[in-house]
Protein backbone atom coordinates (compact mmCIF):
# COMPACT_ATOMS: atom_id res chain seq x y z
CA UNK A 1 -0.05 -0.11 0.12
CA UNK A 2 1.02 3.59 -0.60
CA UNK A 3 0.50 6.72 1.42
CA UNK A 4 0.43 10.00 0.25
CA UNK A 5 0.74 12.82 3.11
CA UNK A 6 -0.57 16.49 2.32
CA UNK A 7 0.34 19.21 4.32
CA UNK A 8 -2.03 21.96 2.37
CA UNK A 9 -1.08 25.50 2.10
CA UNK A 10 0.62 27.71 0.10
CA UNK A 11 3.76 25.45 0.11
CA UNK A 12 2.08 21.98 -0.01
CA UNK A 13 4.36 19.48 1.33
CA UNK A 14 4.10 16.08 -0.31
CA UNK A 15 5.50 12.43 0.99
CA UNK A 16 4.82 9.32 -0.50
CA UNK A 17 5.41 6.26 1.60
CA UNK A 18 5.54 2.69 0.99
CA UNK A 19 4.19 0.76 3.49
CA UNK A 20 5.88 -2.67 2.48
CA UNK A 21 8.95 -1.25 2.28
CA UNK A 22 8.44 0.78 5.30
CA UNK A 23 10.29 4.14 3.27
CA UNK A 24 9.50 7.32 1.69
CA UNK A 25 9.77 7.08 -2.56
CA UNK A 26 9.75 10.95 -2.48
CA UNK A 27 9.64 14.06 0.00
CA UNK A 28 8.99 17.43 -1.73
CA UNK A 29 7.42 20.92 -0.83
CA UNK A 30 5.21 22.10 -4.27
CA UNK A 31 2.85 24.47 -5.04
CA UNK A 32 -1.06 23.18 -4.63
CA UNK A 33 -1.23 23.13 -8.35
CA UNK A 34 1.87 20.84 -8.46
CA UNK A 35 1.01 18.87 -5.99
CA UNK A 36 -2.63 17.97 -7.34
CA UNK A 37 -0.42 17.06 -10.34
CA UNK A 38 1.91 15.01 -8.82
CA UNK A 39 -0.85 13.23 -7.10
CA UNK A 40 -3.47 12.67 -10.12
CA UNK A 41 -0.43 11.34 -11.92
CA UNK A 42 1.11 8.86 -9.16
CA UNK A 43 -2.24 7.59 -8.56
CA UNK A 44 -3.07 7.00 -12.35
CA UNK A 45 0.47 5.51 -13.21
CA UNK A 46 0.06 3.30 -10.22
CA UNK A 47 -3.52 2.45 -9.18
CA UNK A 48 -3.30 -0.90 -10.89
CA UNK A 49 -0.45 -1.93 -8.65
CA UNK A 50 -1.15 -0.72 -5.14
CA UNK A 51 -3.89 0.64 -2.95
CA UNK A 52 -3.54 4.10 -2.56
CA UNK A 53 -4.66 6.58 0.02
CA UNK A 54 -4.20 10.07 0.76
CA UNK A 55 -3.56 11.66 4.27
CA UNK A 56 -3.79 15.30 4.77
CA UNK A 57 -3.83 17.99 7.58
CA UNK A 58 -7.14 19.19 7.66
CA UNK A 59 -7.14 22.53 9.17
CA UNK A 60 -11.05 22.99 9.33
CA UNK A 61 -10.72 19.99 12.33
CA UNK A 62 -8.39 22.19 14.58
CA UNK A 63 -9.66 22.53 18.31
CA UNK A 64 -7.62 24.67 19.78
CA UNK A 65 -7.19 28.44 19.53
CA UNK A 66 -4.56 30.58 20.94
CA UNK A 67 -3.50 34.01 20.36
CA UNK A 68 -3.21 34.60 16.93
CA UNK A 69 -2.70 37.64 14.91
CA UNK A 70 -5.11 38.44 12.03
CA UNK A 71 -2.26 38.03 9.45
CA UNK A 72 -2.50 34.27 10.48
CA UNK A 73 -5.97 33.61 10.87
CA UNK A 74 -6.28 35.05 7.47
CA UNK A 75 -3.55 32.38 6.31
CA UNK A 76 -5.65 29.59 8.46
CA UNK A 77 -8.39 30.48 6.16
CA UNK A 78 -6.65 29.84 3.29
CA UNK A 79 -5.32 26.75 4.24
CA UNK A 80 -8.91 25.63 5.02
CA UNK A 81 -9.75 26.51 1.58
CA UNK A 82 -7.23 24.12 0.32
CA UNK A 83 -8.25 21.21 2.81
CA UNK A 84 -11.47 21.71 0.88
CA UNK A 85 -9.61 21.56 -2.55
CA UNK A 86 -7.96 18.27 -1.11
CA UNK A 87 -11.03 16.75 -0.38
CA UNK A 88 -13.15 17.91 -3.11
CA UNK A 89 -9.74 16.27 -5.56
CA UNK A 90 -9.58 12.94 -3.51
CA UNK A 91 -13.76 12.77 -4.30
CA UNK A 92 -13.39 13.47 -7.70
CA UNK A 93 -10.61 11.76 -9.11
CA UNK A 94 -11.88 8.70 -6.84
CA UNK A 95 -8.66 8.54 -4.39
CA UNK A 96 -9.07 6.80 -1.06
CA UNK A 97 -8.51 9.69 1.68
CA UNK A 98 -8.17 10.58 5.23
CA UNK A 99 -8.90 14.05 6.78
CA UNK A 100 -7.01 14.27 9.91
CA UNK A 101 -7.12 16.68 12.38
CA UNK A 102 -3.75 18.90 13.54
CA UNK A 103 -2.66 17.31 16.61
CA UNK A 104 -1.05 20.64 18.76
CA UNK A 105 2.74 19.20 19.05
CA UNK A 106 2.18 16.83 16.27
CA UNK A 107 4.30 18.45 13.63
CA UNK A 108 7.20 20.89 13.32
CA UNK A 109 9.83 18.46 13.80
CA UNK A 110 13.75 19.20 13.24
CA UNK A 111 15.40 18.33 10.47
CA UNK A 112 18.05 16.00 12.22
CA UNK A 113 15.18 14.45 14.24
CA UNK A 114 13.52 13.62 10.88
CA UNK A 115 16.30 12.24 9.36
CA UNK A 116 17.03 9.95 12.33
CA UNK A 117 13.54 8.28 13.16
CA UNK A 118 13.11 8.59 8.68
CA UNK A 119 16.30 7.24 7.35
CA UNK A 120 15.60 10.01 4.73
CA UNK A 121 18.98 11.35 3.30
CA UNK A 122 17.56 14.47 1.27
CA UNK A 123 16.73 18.01 2.18
CA UNK A 124 13.36 18.84 3.35
CA UNK A 125 11.30 21.76 4.39
CA UNK A 126 9.12 22.15 7.46
CA UNK A 127 5.91 21.61 5.22
CA UNK A 128 6.97 18.55 3.51
CA UNK A 129 8.24 16.82 7.20
CA UNK A 130 4.86 17.78 8.62
CA UNK A 131 3.29 15.73 5.45
CA UNK A 132 5.75 13.01 5.81
CA UNK A 133 5.13 12.51 9.85
CA UNK A 134 1.35 12.09 8.71
CA UNK A 135 2.24 8.77 7.06
CA UNK A 136 5.49 7.75 8.87
CA UNK A 137 5.22 4.50 10.03
CA UNK A 138 1.15 3.54 9.26
């Protein structure tokens, strides 16, 4: 089975996890339109070989709120819109998906810690690591 982790946003994190091999096939950060294209292409090229499921962090399910600036709140609104786009995309393409609520403290791991737990050798952005953390070890 292949799990694709998505951290929605202007800089969309995309991580492809092979559950059989227990390793990442790719981890990257892309604009949303390129991330959608990548997932669609990967799904269409591999749906006969693997079961594929997309996991995305769904900001619409966030349950905690602290002191935040107006700019952060506006950014959160656009991420919520992006979550709707991912959900609609998966439904339209008939791709299995799971919209996960954000977990306070469950993301934003350091690059060095991430390399230790994932064995990933390449560079990663915080968005890519957040996407990877949604699927690693599942």
